[in-house]
Amino acid sequence: QVQLVESGGGLVQAGGSLRLSCAASGNIFSITRINTMGWYRQAPGKERELVANITTGGSTNYADSVKGRFTISRLNVRVYLEMNSLKPEDTAVYYCNALGTGAYWGQGTQVTVSS
């Protein structure tokens, strides 16, 4: 099993920045088989959507709505999301995700962007 713990959410004004962090822990067998890690978000009344992900090899994928503003990075089984030029529509609960022996999710961290 893999546990994901997120940190870094909060309240910020539009145009501001936040950095989310996520660390994976668990049994060695599952940890060493993590491939893609990423971030999803879910706003009230909306479905959960992919924000960005990154593979073990460093390939990245971004939602069109965040390209040029958000940057995902990774160090082993820690993944980060640098969010700049935040907009009110970025307000959501952000979830860390890891894919390997299974699909694992963090508990979520709230990001609120005020206008």
Protein backbone atom coordinates (compact mmCIF):
# COMPACT_ATOMS: atom_id res chain seq x y z
CA GLN A 1 0.00 0.00 0.00
CA VAL A 2 1.00 3.62 -0.59
CA GLN A 3 0.03 6.63 1.49
CA LEU A 4 0.14 10.13 0.04
CA VAL A 5 0.31 13.20 2.24
CA GLU A 6 -0.24 16.65 0.72
CA SER A 7 0.63 20.05 2.10
CA GLY A 8 0.77 23.64 0.95
CA GLY A 9 -2.82 24.62 0.26
CA GLY A 10 -4.38 27.80 1.54
CA LEU A 11 -6.00 31.12 0.73
CA VAL A 12 -4.38 33.48 -1.75
CA GLN A 13 -5.44 36.52 -3.74
CA ALA A 14 -5.84 36.36 -7.49
CA GLY A 15 -2.46 36.71 -9.17
CA GLY A 16 -0.67 35.12 -6.25
CA SER A 17 1.25 31.89 -5.95
CA LEU A 18 1.16 28.67 -3.95
CA ARG A 19 3.30 25.54 -3.89
CA LEU A 20 1.77 22.16 -3.17
CA SER A 21 3.84 19.21 -1.98
CA CYS A 22 3.04 15.52 -1.79
CA ALA A 23 5.12 12.73 -0.30
CA ALA A 24 4.52 9.02 -0.80
CA SER A 25 5.24 6.43 1.87
CA GLY A 26 4.40 2.79 2.42
CA ASN A 27 5.83 -0.62 1.78
CA ILE A 28 8.96 -0.77 -0.30
CA PHE A 29 7.46 -3.08 -2.93
CA SER A 30 4.72 -0.59 -3.82
CA ILE A 31 6.84 2.56 -3.40
CA THR A 32 9.48 1.40 -5.85
CA ARG A 33 6.82 0.63 -8.46
CA ILE A 34 5.30 4.10 -8.55
CA ASN A 35 5.41 5.40 -12.12
CA THR A 36 3.24 8.44 -12.74
CA MET A 37 2.51 10.98 -10.03
CA GLY A 38 0.26 13.96 -10.44
CA TRP A 39 -2.30 16.41 -9.19
CA TYR A 40 -6.04 16.46 -9.72
CA ARG A 41 -8.55 19.00 -8.49
CA GLN A 42 -12.25 19.06 -7.76
CA ALA A 43 -14.28 22.24 -7.47
CA PRO A 44 -17.73 22.29 -5.84
CA GLY A 45 -20.32 20.76 -8.12
CA LYS A 46 -17.74 19.66 -10.67
CA GLU A 47 -15.99 16.41 -11.52
CA ARG A 48 -12.43 15.73 -10.48
CA GLU A 49 -10.05 16.74 -13.27
CA LEU A 50 -6.39 16.24 -14.06
CA VAL A 51 -4.22 19.29 -13.42
CA ALA A 52 -0.81 17.87 -14.25
CA ASN A 53 1.18 14.68 -14.02
CA ILE A 54 4.77 13.55 -14.39
CA THR A 55 6.28 10.17 -15.11
CA THR A 56 9.35 8.58 -13.57
CA GLY A 57 11.20 9.60 -16.71
CA GLY A 58 10.19 13.23 -16.31
CA SER A 59 7.55 13.50 -19.02
CA THR A 60 4.86 15.99 -18.07
CA ASN A 61 1.27 16.59 -19.04
CA TYR A 62 -0.82 19.66 -18.17
CA ALA A 63 -4.45 20.64 -18.42
CA ASP A 64 -4.87 23.42 -20.99
CA SER A 65 -6.30 25.70 -18.30
CA VAL A 66 -3.05 25.69 -16.31
CA LYS A 67 -0.39 25.61 -19.03
CA GLY A 68 2.10 28.41 -18.61
CA ARG A 69 1.00 29.08 -15.01
CA PHE A 70 1.57 25.79 -13.17
CA THR A 71 4.73 23.69 -13.06
CA ILE A 72 4.92 20.12 -11.83
CA SER A 73 8.17 18.63 -10.60
CA ARG A 74 9.26 15.48 -8.89
CA LEU A 75 12.04 14.09 -6.74
CA ASN A 76 11.79 10.33 -6.35
CA VAL A 77 8.39 9.80 -4.69
CA ARG A 78 7.78 13.43 -3.83
CA VAL A 79 5.82 15.56 -6.27
CA TYR A 80 5.36 19.33 -6.27
CA LEU A 81 3.02 21.75 -7.98
CA GLU A 82 4.14 25.36 -8.33
CA MET A 83 1.06 27.48 -9.05
CA ASN A 84 1.53 31.04 -10.28
CA SER A 85 -0.86 33.70 -11.56
CA LEU A 86 -3.67 32.00 -9.68
CA LYS A 87 -7.24 32.75 -10.70
CA PRO A 88 -10.51 32.39 -8.75
CA GLU A 89 -11.42 29.50 -11.05
CA ASP A 90 -8.43 27.57 -9.69
CA THR A 91 -10.28 27.28 -6.38
CA ALA A 92 -10.72 23.59 -5.60
CA VAL A 93 -9.58 20.72 -3.44
CA TYR A 94 -6.31 19.46 -4.91
CA TYR A 95 -5.52 15.76 -4.68
CA CYS A 96 -2.18 14.05 -5.10
CA ASN A 97 -2.25 10.86 -7.17
CA ALA A 98 0.24 8.06 -7.71
CA LEU A 99 0.04 5.15 -10.14
CA GLY A 100 1.97 1.94 -9.76
CA THR A 101 0.73 -1.30 -8.27
CA GLY A 102 -2.55 0.53 -7.86
CA ALA A 103 -4.04 3.99 -8.00
CA TYR A 104 -3.44 5.94 -4.81
CA TRP A 105 -4.90 9.23 -3.61
CA GLY A 106 -4.08 11.74 -0.95
CA GLN A 107 -6.66 13.25 1.37
CA GLY A 108 -6.76 16.54 -0.53
CA THR A 109 -5.74 20.07 0.28
CA GLN A 110 -7.94 23.14 -0.19
CA VAL A 111 -6.80 25.94 -2.47
CA THR A 112 -8.91 29.09 -2.41
CA VAL A 113 -8.20 32.03 -4.69
CA SER A 114 -10.02 35.24 -3.86
CA SER A 115 -10.82 37.88 -6.46
